[in-house]
Every structure is written in structure tokens, then in C-alpha cells.
Amino acid sequence: MYDPQSPGEGTLPKYLFAASVAALSLLSACGAKSDAPVKREPGSWSTKITIAKLEGKGVTPDAKAGMQQMFDAMSRMTVCVTPEASAREDIGHNLENASGAGSNCQFDKRDLTGETISFSGTCGEGTHRVRMTATGTSGTTAQDMTMKVEPLGASGTPEGIMEMHVVTTRDGACKPTDITPPPVPAAPAAPAGATK
């Protein structure tokens, strides 16, 4: 597994590495709740991530190759999306959670209508703030999105960029070799008499 701080593999600043992983996690459930909800069909899913650009302070020439190697290894793994998991997918909820305690994200754009996925926002605080942008489509058997992660300096201007192309496809029914993530716990019920 690629280590962003391992000598000889190229140095990728930890904050940029963590931000890219966090951004991808927001897309792990891209069925958006909307007037015309589109959710992934249950089955075996694979993801291919291609790094289109990786630039910035502290990024060595080998960093892009190292990160791409890690993503290539991830693309060889397939995930079983169960009917229960498919029913609960909701990127809107993911974005709301990212805005909560610990993530400190503020989203200025959220277009999750039908098959459209488009959002942008800023996460983090102090000297560890990043700008995240994602655009693309999310269908029942395929997803195709472009993501950008930009670390921000003290003045709020970008100091680098990681741009990724993420393609996720359904490859038929779940297989014995698929990874099946544990079920996500249901949201706790509101206490009796509670008001919103």
C-alpha cells in the first residue's frame, strides 16, 4: 500500500492525501435523494480512479506515480452493494455529515438532481483548509465523475491541486470474492416529544 510519507515513493503532504480520501468517501454513496432519485442497483461494483493532475508545495515528482499505484490496487477490488445498502445511499446525507462536528465543511453548491452530481465546498480550518469540487453523473449501473481537491493557503488562494477522474461500474451480481462492507446503522429515532 502506498504511504504518502514513505521515502522513495514520493512525498505527498498528509493534508492533501487525507483530503483526497475524504472527498472520495463522499462519493461512496452517490444515489442522491431528489425529485427523481437515482440509486445504484445492488450487485458487484468496481471503481477506477485516474489522477489527471497532482501539483503543489511538497509534492515530489514520484508522488503522482505512487498515488496512482495505490488507486490501481484499489481498482482490483470489487464491492458487493447489497439491496439494503443501495436503499440507504444518499450523498446529500453524506454532505450534511461532512458539515458537522470534526469535518467543518461548508458547501456553496449542491446539485443532486436526478443523475446529476455537482457540488463544491471548503473543509478544514486554520492552515489545513481544502477546496473540493465534484461534477459528473450517477446512474443505476455506472457513475462518472471528475473531482478536484485544492489545498488553500492562509490567504485563501489555492496552493496546489489534485484532480481525479472516478469511474464506477456495476459488473453483475455480487460475487464470493467481493468485499461486503458492514451495514450502516440506521439513524437514531428522535426522542418522544422532540421538536425540529
N, C-alpha and C. Protein backbone atom coordinates (compact mmCIF):
# COMPACT_ATOMS: atom_id res chain seq x y z
N MET A 1 0.84 -1.19 0.00
CA MET A 1 0.00 0.00 0.00
C MET A 1 0.88 1.25 0.00
N TYR A 2 0.51 2.20 -0.80
CA TYR A 2 1.26 3.45 -0.88
C TYR A 2 1.18 4.22 0.42
N ASP A 3 2.33 4.67 0.92
CA ASP A 3 2.41 5.51 2.11
C ASP A 3 2.81 6.90 1.65
N PRO A 4 1.96 7.93 1.87
CA PRO A 4 2.25 9.26 1.36
C PRO A 4 3.51 9.87 1.94
N GLN A 5 4.03 9.33 3.04
CA GLN A 5 5.22 9.90 3.65
C GLN A 5 6.42 8.95 3.59
N SER A 6 6.30 7.85 2.85
CA SER A 6 7.37 6.87 2.80
C SER A 6 8.48 7.31 1.85
N PRO A 7 9.75 7.35 2.31
CA PRO A 7 10.86 7.74 1.45
C PRO A 7 10.95 6.82 0.24
N GLY A 8 11.26 7.39 -0.90
CA GLY A 8 11.44 6.61 -2.11
C GLY A 8 10.17 6.46 -2.93
N GLU A 9 9.03 6.79 -2.35
CA GLU A 9 7.78 6.65 -3.08
C GLU A 9 7.22 7.99 -3.51
N GLY A 10 7.90 9.06 -3.17
CA GLY A 10 7.38 10.38 -3.47
C GLY A 10 6.61 10.90 -2.27
N THR A 11 6.82 12.13 -1.96
CA THR A 11 6.19 12.70 -0.78
C THR A 11 4.93 13.45 -1.16
N LEU A 12 3.83 13.08 -0.54
CA LEU A 12 2.56 13.77 -0.73
C LEU A 12 2.15 14.33 0.63
N PRO A 13 1.94 15.63 0.74
CA PRO A 13 1.56 16.20 2.04
C PRO A 13 0.36 15.47 2.62
N LYS A 14 0.43 15.18 3.92
CA LYS A 14 -0.62 14.40 4.57
C LYS A 14 -1.99 15.05 4.42
N TYR A 15 -2.04 16.38 4.50
CA TYR A 15 -3.34 17.04 4.43
C TYR A 15 -3.98 16.86 3.06
N LEU A 16 -3.15 16.82 1.98
CA LEU A 16 -3.70 16.64 0.64
C LEU A 16 -4.14 15.20 0.45
N PHE A 17 -3.34 14.26 0.95
CA PHE A 17 -3.70 12.85 0.87
C PHE A 17 -4.99 12.59 1.62
N ALA A 18 -5.11 13.09 2.86
CA ALA A 18 -6.31 12.88 3.66
C ALA A 18 -7.53 13.52 3.01
N ALA A 19 -7.34 14.71 2.43
CA ALA A 19 -8.47 15.40 1.80
C ALA A 19 -8.97 14.64 0.58
N SER A 20 -8.05 14.05 -0.19
CA SER A 20 -8.47 13.31 -1.38
C SER A 20 -9.27 12.07 -0.98
N VAL A 21 -8.83 11.39 0.08
CA VAL A 21 -9.55 10.20 0.55
C VAL A 21 -10.92 10.60 1.08
N ALA A 22 -10.97 11.71 1.83
CA ALA A 22 -12.25 12.19 2.37
C ALA A 22 -13.21 12.56 1.24
N ALA A 23 -12.69 13.20 0.20
CA ALA A 23 -13.54 13.58 -0.93
C ALA A 23 -14.11 12.36 -1.61
N LEU A 24 -13.30 11.32 -1.78
CA LEU A 24 -13.78 10.09 -2.40
C LEU A 24 -14.85 9.43 -1.54
N SER A 25 -14.71 9.53 -0.22
CA SER A 25 -15.69 8.90 0.66
C SER A 25 -17.06 9.54 0.52
N LEU A 26 -17.09 10.84 0.18
CA LEU A 26 -18.38 11.50 -0.02
C LEU A 26 -19.12 10.90 -1.20
N LEU A 27 -18.36 10.35 -2.16
CA LEU A 27 -18.97 9.78 -3.36
C LEU A 27 -19.24 8.29 -3.23
N SER A 28 -18.95 7.71 -2.07
CA SER A 28 -19.12 6.26 -1.93
C SER A 28 -20.58 5.86 -1.95
N ALA A 29 -21.47 6.84 -1.78
CA ALA A 29 -22.90 6.56 -1.86
C ALA A 29 -23.54 7.67 -2.67
N CYS A 30 -23.53 7.50 -3.98
CA CYS A 30 -23.90 8.61 -4.85
C CYS A 30 -25.34 8.59 -5.31
N GLY A 31 -26.16 7.74 -4.76
CA GLY A 31 -27.57 7.80 -5.12
C GLY A 31 -28.18 8.99 -4.41
N ALA A 32 -28.47 10.05 -5.10
CA ALA A 32 -28.93 11.28 -4.45
C ALA A 32 -30.44 11.25 -4.25
N LYS A 33 -30.88 11.65 -3.07
CA LYS A 33 -32.31 11.79 -2.84
C LYS A 33 -32.77 13.08 -3.49
N SER A 34 -33.73 13.00 -4.38
CA SER A 34 -34.21 14.17 -5.09
C SER A 34 -35.61 13.87 -5.60
N ASP A 35 -36.15 14.75 -6.44
CA ASP A 35 -37.47 14.51 -7.01
C ASP A 35 -37.47 13.28 -7.90
N ALA A 36 -36.32 12.94 -8.48
CA ALA A 36 -36.19 11.75 -9.31
C ALA A 36 -34.96 10.98 -8.83
N PRO A 37 -35.08 10.29 -7.68
CA PRO A 37 -33.90 9.66 -7.08
C PRO A 37 -33.29 8.58 -7.99
N VAL A 38 -31.97 8.58 -8.04
CA VAL A 38 -31.23 7.57 -8.80
C VAL A 38 -30.29 6.88 -7.82
N LYS A 39 -30.48 5.60 -7.65
CA LYS A 39 -29.63 4.83 -6.76
C LYS A 39 -28.94 3.72 -7.53
N ARG A 40 -27.79 3.32 -7.04
CA ARG A 40 -27.09 2.21 -7.67
C ARG A 40 -27.89 0.92 -7.49
N GLU A 41 -27.88 0.09 -8.54
CA GLU A 41 -28.50 -1.22 -8.42
C GLU A 41 -27.62 -2.10 -7.54
N PRO A 42 -28.23 -2.96 -6.74
CA PRO A 42 -27.43 -3.92 -5.97
C PRO A 42 -26.60 -4.78 -6.92
N GLY A 43 -25.43 -5.20 -6.45
CA GLY A 43 -24.57 -6.03 -7.26
C GLY A 43 -23.11 -5.79 -6.99
N SER A 44 -22.27 -6.29 -7.88
CA SER A 44 -20.82 -6.17 -7.75
C SER A 44 -20.35 -4.91 -8.46
N TRP A 45 -19.67 -4.03 -7.72
CA TRP A 45 -19.23 -2.75 -8.27
C TRP A 45 -17.71 -2.60 -8.17
N SER A 46 -17.15 -2.01 -9.22
CA SER A 46 -15.71 -1.72 -9.22
C SER A 46 -15.50 -0.24 -9.52
N THR A 47 -14.37 0.28 -9.06
CA THR A 47 -14.07 1.70 -9.22
C THR A 47 -12.67 1.89 -9.82
N LYS A 48 -12.57 2.73 -10.84
CA LYS A 48 -11.28 3.07 -11.43
C LYS A 48 -11.04 4.56 -11.21
N ILE A 49 -9.91 4.88 -10.59
CA ILE A 49 -9.56 6.27 -10.29
C ILE A 49 -8.28 6.62 -11.04
N THR A 50 -8.35 7.66 -11.85
CA THR A 50 -7.19 8.13 -12.61
C THR A 50 -6.84 9.53 -12.16
N ILE A 51 -5.58 9.73 -11.78
CA ILE A 51 -5.13 11.05 -11.38
C ILE A 51 -4.77 11.83 -12.64
N ALA A 52 -5.51 12.90 -12.89
CA ALA A 52 -5.24 13.72 -14.07
C ALA A 52 -4.18 14.78 -13.78
N LYS A 53 -4.15 15.26 -12.55
CA LYS A 53 -3.20 16.32 -12.20
C LYS A 53 -2.87 16.24 -10.72
N LEU A 54 -1.59 16.44 -10.38
CA LEU A 54 -1.17 16.48 -8.99
C LEU A 54 -0.01 17.46 -8.89
N GLU A 55 -0.32 18.63 -8.34
CA GLU A 55 0.68 19.69 -8.25
C GLU A 55 0.57 20.39 -6.91
N GLY A 56 1.67 20.97 -6.44
CA GLY A 56 1.60 21.77 -5.23
C GLY A 56 2.86 21.70 -4.39
N LYS A 57 2.87 22.49 -3.36
CA LYS A 57 4.00 22.56 -2.45
C LYS A 57 4.21 21.23 -1.74
N GLY A 58 5.44 20.75 -1.75
CA GLY A 58 5.76 19.50 -1.08
C GLY A 58 5.48 18.25 -1.88
N VAL A 59 5.00 18.39 -3.12
CA VAL A 59 4.72 17.23 -3.96
C VAL A 59 5.96 16.92 -4.79
N THR A 60 6.52 15.73 -4.60
CA THR A 60 7.71 15.33 -5.34
C THR A 60 7.33 14.72 -6.68
N PRO A 61 8.27 14.59 -7.61
CA PRO A 61 7.95 14.03 -8.93
C PRO A 61 7.36 12.62 -8.88
N ASP A 62 7.71 11.84 -7.84
CA ASP A 62 7.22 10.46 -7.77
C ASP A 62 5.88 10.34 -7.06
N ALA A 63 5.37 11.44 -6.49
CA ALA A 63 4.13 11.35 -5.72
C ALA A 63 2.95 10.91 -6.56
N LYS A 64 2.81 11.46 -7.75
CA LYS A 64 1.69 11.10 -8.61
C LYS A 64 1.71 9.61 -8.95
N ALA A 65 2.90 9.10 -9.29
CA ALA A 65 3.02 7.68 -9.63
C ALA A 65 2.66 6.81 -8.43
N GLY A 66 3.09 7.24 -7.24
CA GLY A 66 2.79 6.47 -6.03
C GLY A 66 1.31 6.43 -5.72
N MET A 67 0.66 7.59 -5.84
CA MET A 67 -0.77 7.64 -5.59
C MET A 67 -1.54 6.83 -6.64
N GLN A 68 -1.12 6.93 -7.91
CA GLN A 68 -1.80 6.19 -8.96
C GLN A 68 -1.66 4.69 -8.73
N GLN A 69 -0.49 4.28 -8.24
CA GLN A 69 -0.27 2.87 -7.95
C GLN A 69 -1.24 2.39 -6.87
N MET A 70 -1.46 3.23 -5.85
CA MET A 70 -2.40 2.87 -4.79
C MET A 70 -3.82 2.75 -5.34
N PHE A 71 -4.22 3.73 -6.18
CA PHE A 71 -5.56 3.69 -6.75
C PHE A 71 -5.74 2.50 -7.69
N ASP A 72 -4.69 2.14 -8.42
CA ASP A 72 -4.76 0.98 -9.31
C ASP A 72 -4.99 -0.29 -8.50
N ALA A 73 -4.33 -0.39 -7.34
CA ALA A 73 -4.52 -1.56 -6.48
C ALA A 73 -5.96 -1.60 -5.97
N MET A 74 -6.50 -0.43 -5.63
CA MET A 74 -7.89 -0.36 -5.16
C MET A 74 -8.86 -0.79 -6.25
N SER A 75 -8.53 -0.48 -7.51
CA SER A 75 -9.45 -0.80 -8.61
C SER A 75 -9.57 -2.30 -8.85
N ARG A 76 -8.63 -3.07 -8.32
CA ARG A 76 -8.71 -4.52 -8.48
C ARG A 76 -9.66 -5.15 -7.46
N MET A 77 -10.13 -4.36 -6.52
CA MET A 77 -11.08 -4.86 -5.52
C MET A 77 -12.51 -4.52 -5.96
N THR A 78 -13.42 -5.44 -5.74
CA THR A 78 -14.81 -5.21 -6.07
C THR A 78 -15.64 -5.24 -4.78
N VAL A 79 -16.71 -4.48 -4.79
CA VAL A 79 -17.55 -4.33 -3.60
C VAL A 79 -18.96 -4.81 -3.90
N CYS A 80 -19.51 -5.58 -2.98
CA CYS A 80 -20.91 -6.02 -3.11
C CYS A 80 -21.80 -4.96 -2.48
N VAL A 81 -22.63 -4.33 -3.31
CA VAL A 81 -23.63 -3.39 -2.82
C VAL A 81 -24.92 -4.19 -2.60
N THR A 82 -25.29 -4.38 -1.35
CA THR A 82 -26.48 -5.17 -1.03
C THR A 82 -27.74 -4.33 -1.28
N PRO A 83 -28.89 -4.97 -1.39
CA PRO A 83 -30.12 -4.20 -1.54
C PRO A 83 -30.34 -3.21 -0.41
N GLU A 84 -29.96 -3.61 0.82
CA GLU A 84 -30.12 -2.71 1.97
C GLU A 84 -29.21 -1.50 1.84
N ALA A 85 -27.96 -1.73 1.40
CA ALA A 85 -27.01 -0.63 1.24
C ALA A 85 -27.47 0.31 0.14
N SER A 86 -27.98 -0.26 -0.96
CA SER A 86 -28.45 0.57 -2.06
C SER A 86 -29.60 1.46 -1.62
N ALA A 87 -30.51 0.90 -0.82
CA ALA A 87 -31.68 1.66 -0.38
C ALA A 87 -31.29 2.84 0.50
N ARG A 88 -30.16 2.74 1.21
CA ARG A 88 -29.75 3.78 2.14
C ARG A 88 -28.79 4.80 1.54
N GLU A 89 -28.35 4.59 0.31
CA GLU A 89 -27.38 5.51 -0.28
C GLU A 89 -27.98 6.91 -0.42
N ASP A 90 -27.20 7.90 0.00
CA ASP A 90 -27.70 9.28 -0.02
C ASP A 90 -26.52 10.24 0.11
N ILE A 91 -26.02 10.74 -1.02
CA ILE A 91 -24.88 11.65 -0.98
C ILE A 91 -25.25 12.96 -0.27
N GLY A 92 -26.52 13.34 -0.34
CA GLY A 92 -26.94 14.54 0.37
C GLY A 92 -26.69 14.41 1.86
N HIS A 93 -27.00 13.23 2.40
CA HIS A 93 -26.75 12.98 3.82
C HIS A 93 -25.26 12.99 4.12
N ASN A 94 -24.46 12.43 3.19
CA ASN A 94 -23.00 12.45 3.37
C ASN A 94 -22.49 13.88 3.47
N LEU A 95 -23.00 14.75 2.61
CA LEU A 95 -22.54 16.14 2.64
C LEU A 95 -22.97 16.83 3.93
N GLU A 96 -24.16 16.50 4.41
CA GLU A 96 -24.62 17.09 5.66
C GLU A 96 -23.73 16.64 6.82
N ASN A 97 -23.33 15.37 6.83
CA ASN A 97 -22.45 14.87 7.88
C ASN A 97 -21.09 15.55 7.82
N ALA A 98 -20.60 15.82 6.59
CA ALA A 98 -19.31 16.47 6.43
C ALA A 98 -19.34 17.90 6.95
N SER A 99 -20.53 18.46 7.06
CA SER A 99 -20.66 19.82 7.57
C SER A 99 -20.73 19.85 9.10
N GLY A 100 -20.80 18.67 9.71
CA GLY A 100 -20.94 18.60 11.16
C GLY A 100 -19.63 18.71 11.90
N ALA A 101 -19.68 18.37 13.17
CA ALA A 101 -18.50 18.49 14.04
C ALA A 101 -17.36 17.64 13.51
N GLY A 102 -16.17 18.20 13.51
CA GLY A 102 -14.97 17.47 13.11
C GLY A 102 -14.58 17.70 11.67
N SER A 103 -15.55 17.80 10.76
CA SER A 103 -15.23 17.98 9.35
C SER A 103 -15.17 19.46 8.97
N ASN A 104 -16.05 20.24 9.55
CA ASN A 104 -16.04 21.69 9.35
C ASN A 104 -16.10 22.06 7.88
N CYS A 105 -17.05 21.47 7.15
CA CYS A 105 -17.21 21.75 5.72
C CYS A 105 -18.37 22.70 5.48
N GLN A 106 -18.18 23.59 4.54
CA GLN A 106 -19.23 24.49 4.10
C GLN A 106 -19.37 24.35 2.58
N PHE A 107 -20.56 23.93 2.12
CA PHE A 107 -20.79 23.70 0.70
C PHE A 107 -21.58 24.86 0.11
N ASP A 108 -21.03 25.47 -0.94
CA ASP A 108 -21.71 26.59 -1.57
C ASP A 108 -22.50 26.16 -2.81
N LYS A 109 -22.33 24.89 -3.22
CA LYS A 109 -23.08 24.38 -4.37
C LYS A 109 -23.41 22.92 -4.12
N ARG A 110 -24.70 22.56 -4.30
CA ARG A 110 -25.13 21.17 -4.13
C ARG A 110 -26.25 20.90 -5.12
N ASP A 111 -25.89 20.36 -6.29
CA ASP A 111 -26.87 19.99 -7.30
C ASP A 111 -26.88 18.47 -7.37
N LEU A 112 -27.92 17.86 -6.77
CA LEU A 112 -28.01 16.41 -6.71
C LEU A 112 -29.31 15.95 -7.36
N THR A 113 -29.65 16.56 -8.48
CA THR A 113 -30.92 16.30 -9.15
C THR A 113 -30.80 15.16 -10.15
N GLY A 114 -31.65 14.14 -9.99
CA GLY A 114 -31.65 13.03 -10.94
C GLY A 114 -30.28 12.37 -11.03
N GLU A 115 -29.71 12.32 -12.23
CA GLU A 115 -28.41 11.70 -12.42
C GLU A 115 -27.26 12.69 -12.29
N THR A 116 -27.57 13.93 -11.99
CA THR A 116 -26.53 14.95 -11.88
C THR A 116 -25.90 14.97 -10.50
N ILE A 117 -24.57 14.95 -10.46
CA ILE A 117 -23.83 15.13 -9.21
C ILE A 117 -22.91 16.32 -9.40
N SER A 118 -23.13 17.36 -8.62
CA SER A 118 -22.29 18.55 -8.72
C SER A 118 -22.29 19.26 -7.38
N PHE A 119 -21.12 19.35 -6.76
CA PHE A 119 -21.04 20.07 -5.50
C PHE A 119 -19.65 20.68 -5.35
N SER A 120 -19.57 21.72 -4.53
CA SER A 120 -18.29 22.35 -4.23
C SER A 120 -18.37 22.94 -2.83
N GLY A 121 -17.23 22.95 -2.15
CA GLY A 121 -17.21 23.49 -0.81
C GLY A 121 -15.81 23.53 -0.26
N THR A 122 -15.69 24.07 0.95
CA THR A 122 -14.40 24.20 1.62
C THR A 122 -14.47 23.48 2.96
N CYS A 123 -13.42 22.70 3.26
CA CYS A 123 -13.38 21.94 4.51
C CYS A 123 -12.09 22.23 5.27
N GLY A 124 -12.14 22.01 6.57
CA GLY A 124 -10.96 22.20 7.40
C GLY A 124 -10.95 23.55 8.09
N GLU A 125 -9.84 23.84 8.75
CA GLU A 125 -9.71 25.11 9.46
C GLU A 125 -8.25 25.49 9.56
N GLY A 126 -8.01 26.74 9.87
CA GLY A 126 -6.64 27.21 10.03
C GLY A 126 -5.82 27.05 8.76
N THR A 127 -4.65 26.44 8.90
CA THR A 127 -3.75 26.25 7.76
C THR A 127 -4.01 24.93 7.04
N HIS A 128 -5.04 24.21 7.43
CA HIS A 128 -5.36 22.94 6.79
C HIS A 128 -6.76 22.99 6.20
N ARG A 129 -6.96 23.90 5.27
CA ARG A 129 -8.24 24.03 4.59
C ARG A 129 -8.09 23.58 3.14
N VAL A 130 -9.12 22.94 2.61
CA VAL A 130 -9.10 22.47 1.22
C VAL A 130 -10.41 22.82 0.54
N ARG A 131 -10.31 23.06 -0.75
CA ARG A 131 -11.48 23.30 -1.59
C ARG A 131 -11.74 22.03 -2.37
N MET A 132 -12.99 21.52 -2.30
CA MET A 132 -13.35 20.30 -3.02
C MET A 132 -14.45 20.60 -4.02
N THR A 133 -14.29 20.06 -5.24
CA THR A 133 -15.27 20.24 -6.30
C THR A 133 -15.49 18.90 -6.99
N ALA A 134 -16.75 18.57 -7.27
CA ALA A 134 -17.05 17.33 -8.00
C ALA A 134 -18.18 17.58 -8.98
N THR A 135 -18.03 17.05 -10.18
CA THR A 135 -19.09 17.14 -11.20
C THR A 135 -19.14 15.81 -11.95
N GLY A 136 -20.34 15.43 -12.36
CA GLY A 136 -20.47 14.20 -13.13
C GLY A 136 -21.88 13.66 -13.12
N THR A 137 -21.98 12.37 -13.41
CA THR A 137 -23.29 11.72 -13.49
C THR A 137 -23.29 10.46 -12.63
N SER A 138 -24.46 10.12 -12.13
CA SER A 138 -24.62 8.93 -11.31
C SER A 138 -25.87 8.19 -11.76
N GLY A 139 -25.68 7.02 -12.37
CA GLY A 139 -26.80 6.22 -12.84
C GLY A 139 -26.94 4.94 -12.05
N THR A 140 -27.86 4.09 -12.47
CA THR A 140 -28.12 2.85 -11.74
C THR A 140 -27.03 1.81 -11.93
N THR A 141 -26.29 1.87 -13.05
CA THR A 141 -25.26 0.86 -13.31
C THR A 141 -23.88 1.46 -13.59
N ALA A 142 -23.77 2.77 -13.57
CA ALA A 142 -22.47 3.41 -13.83
C ALA A 142 -22.46 4.83 -13.28
N GLN A 143 -21.27 5.26 -12.86
CA GLN A 143 -21.06 6.63 -12.39
C GLN A 143 -19.77 7.14 -13.03
N ASP A 144 -19.76 8.43 -13.35
CA ASP A 144 -18.59 9.03 -13.99
C ASP A 144 -18.44 10.45 -13.46
N MET A 145 -17.37 10.67 -12.69
CA MET A 145 -17.21 11.97 -12.05
C MET A 145 -15.76 12.45 -12.09
N THR A 146 -15.63 13.76 -12.11
CA THR A 146 -14.33 14.41 -12.01
C THR A 146 -14.30 15.20 -10.70
N MET A 147 -13.23 14.99 -9.93
CA MET A 147 -13.09 15.66 -8.64
C MET A 147 -11.82 16.48 -8.60
N LYS A 148 -11.88 17.61 -7.90
CA LYS A 148 -10.70 18.43 -7.68
C LYS A 148 -10.57 18.71 -6.18
N VAL A 149 -9.36 18.56 -5.67
CA VAL A 149 -9.06 18.88 -4.28
C VAL A 149 -7.92 19.90 -4.30
N GLU A 150 -8.16 21.07 -3.71
CA GLU A 150 -7.16 22.14 -3.73
C GLU A 150 -6.85 22.61 -2.31
N PRO A 151 -5.62 22.41 -1.81
CA PRO A 151 -5.25 22.95 -0.51
C PRO A 151 -5.20 24.48 -0.59
N LEU A 152 -5.70 25.14 0.45
CA LEU A 152 -5.75 26.59 0.46
C LEU A 152 -4.71 27.17 1.43
N GLY A 153 -4.07 28.27 0.99
CA GLY A 153 -3.13 28.96 1.84
C GLY A 153 -3.83 29.86 2.84
N ALA A 154 -3.04 30.55 3.66
CA ALA A 154 -3.60 31.43 4.68
C ALA A 154 -4.49 32.51 4.09
N SER A 155 -4.17 32.93 2.86
CA SER A 155 -4.94 33.99 2.21
C SER A 155 -6.20 33.45 1.52
N GLY A 156 -6.35 32.11 1.49
CA GLY A 156 -7.50 31.51 0.83
C GLY A 156 -7.28 31.15 -0.62
N THR A 157 -6.06 31.39 -1.13
CA THR A 157 -5.77 31.05 -2.53
C THR A 157 -5.22 29.62 -2.62
N PRO A 158 -5.55 28.89 -3.70
CA PRO A 158 -5.07 27.51 -3.86
C PRO A 158 -3.55 27.44 -3.91
N GLU A 159 -2.99 26.42 -3.25
CA GLU A 159 -1.54 26.20 -3.25
C GLU A 159 -1.17 24.90 -3.94
N GLY A 160 -2.12 24.28 -4.59
CA GLY A 160 -1.87 23.03 -5.29
C GLY A 160 -3.19 22.47 -5.77
N ILE A 161 -3.11 21.31 -6.41
CA ILE A 161 -4.35 20.70 -6.92
C ILE A 161 -4.14 19.21 -7.13
N MET A 162 -5.16 18.44 -6.78
CA MET A 162 -5.24 17.04 -7.18
C MET A 162 -6.55 16.88 -7.92
N GLU A 163 -6.47 16.49 -9.18
CA GLU A 163 -7.67 16.27 -9.99
C GLU A 163 -7.76 14.80 -10.33
N MET A 164 -8.94 14.21 -10.06
CA MET A 164 -9.13 12.77 -10.27
C MET A 164 -10.36 12.51 -11.13
N HIS A 165 -10.27 11.50 -11.96
CA HIS A 165 -11.41 11.03 -12.74
C HIS A 165 -11.83 9.69 -12.14
N VAL A 166 -13.08 9.61 -11.67
CA VAL A 166 -13.57 8.42 -10.97
C VAL A 166 -14.70 7.78 -11.78
N VAL A 167 -14.49 6.54 -12.19
CA VAL A 167 -15.50 5.79 -12.95
C VAL A 167 -15.85 4.54 -12.15
N THR A 168 -17.14 4.39 -11.84
CA THR A 168 -17.62 3.24 -11.07
C THR A 168 -18.65 2.51 -11.90
N THR A 169 -18.51 1.18 -12.00
CA THR A 169 -19.41 0.39 -12.85
C THR A 169 -19.91 -0.85 -12.13
N ARG A 170 -21.14 -1.24 -12.49
CA ARG A 170 -21.72 -2.47 -11.96
C ARG A 170 -21.31 -3.62 -12.87
N ASP A 171 -20.82 -4.71 -12.27
CA ASP A 171 -20.31 -5.84 -13.04
C ASP A 171 -21.13 -7.10 -12.81
N GLY A 172 -22.45 -6.95 -12.68
CA GLY A 172 -23.31 -8.11 -12.48
C GLY A 172 -23.64 -8.33 -11.01
N ALA A 173 -24.09 -9.55 -10.71
CA ALA A 173 -24.48 -9.89 -9.34
C ALA A 173 -23.25 -9.97 -8.44
N CYS A 174 -23.49 -9.86 -7.13
CA CYS A 174 -22.39 -9.96 -6.17
C CYS A 174 -21.69 -11.31 -6.30
N LYS A 175 -20.37 -11.29 -6.10
CA LYS A 175 -19.55 -12.48 -6.24
C LYS A 175 -18.95 -12.87 -4.88
N PRO A 176 -18.58 -14.12 -4.71
CA PRO A 176 -17.98 -14.55 -3.43
C PRO A 176 -16.70 -13.79 -3.08
N THR A 177 -16.01 -13.29 -4.09
CA THR A 177 -14.75 -12.58 -3.84
C THR A 177 -14.94 -11.09 -3.54
N ASP A 178 -16.18 -10.60 -3.64
CA ASP A 178 -16.44 -9.19 -3.36
C ASP A 178 -16.25 -8.87 -1.88
N ILE A 179 -15.91 -7.61 -1.62
CA ILE A 179 -15.89 -7.10 -0.26
C ILE A 179 -17.31 -6.59 0.05
N THR A 180 -17.86 -7.03 1.16
CA THR A 180 -19.18 -6.56 1.57
C THR A 180 -19.03 -5.71 2.82
N PRO A 181 -19.13 -4.38 2.68
CA PRO A 181 -18.99 -3.51 3.85
C PRO A 181 -20.07 -3.81 4.88
N PRO A 182 -19.77 -3.58 6.17
CA PRO A 182 -20.80 -3.78 7.19
C PRO A 182 -21.94 -2.81 6.97
N PRO A 183 -23.15 -3.20 7.36
CA PRO A 183 -24.29 -2.30 7.17
C PRO A 183 -24.14 -1.03 7.97
N VAL A 184 -24.62 0.07 7.38
CA VAL A 184 -24.59 1.35 8.07
C VAL A 184 -25.74 1.39 9.06
N PRO A 185 -25.47 1.72 10.34
CA PRO A 185 -26.55 1.75 11.32
C PRO A 185 -27.61 2.76 10.92
N ALA A 186 -28.85 2.44 11.21
CA ALA A 186 -29.93 3.37 10.92
C ALA A 186 -29.83 4.58 11.83
N ALA A 187 -30.28 5.72 11.36
CA ALA A 187 -30.25 6.93 12.17
C ALA A 187 -31.14 6.74 13.39
N PRO A 188 -30.67 7.19 14.59
CA PRO A 188 -31.48 7.01 15.79
C PRO A 188 -32.78 7.77 15.70
N ALA A 189 -33.82 7.20 16.28
CA ALA A 189 -35.13 7.85 16.26
C ALA A 189 -35.12 9.05 17.19
N ALA A 190 -35.87 10.07 16.83
CA ALA A 190 -35.95 11.27 17.66
C ALA A 190 -36.67 10.94 18.95
N PRO A 191 -36.21 11.51 20.09
CA PRO A 191 -36.88 11.26 21.37
C PRO A 191 -38.34 11.69 21.32
N ALA A 192 -39.17 11.02 22.09
CA ALA A 192 -40.58 11.36 22.13
C ALA A 192 -40.77 12.80 22.57
N GLY A 193 -41.60 13.52 21.83
CA GLY A 193 -41.87 14.91 22.19
C GLY A 193 -40.86 15.90 21.65
N ALA A 194 -39.82 15.39 20.95
CA ALA A 194 -38.79 16.29 20.43
C ALA A 194 -39.33 17.08 19.26
N THR A 195 -38.88 18.30 19.12
CA THR A 195 -39.29 19.15 18.01
C THR A 195 -38.10 19.49 17.17
N LYS A 196 -38.31 19.73 15.88
CA LYS A 196 -37.22 20.06 14.96
C LYS A 196 -36.95 21.55 15.01
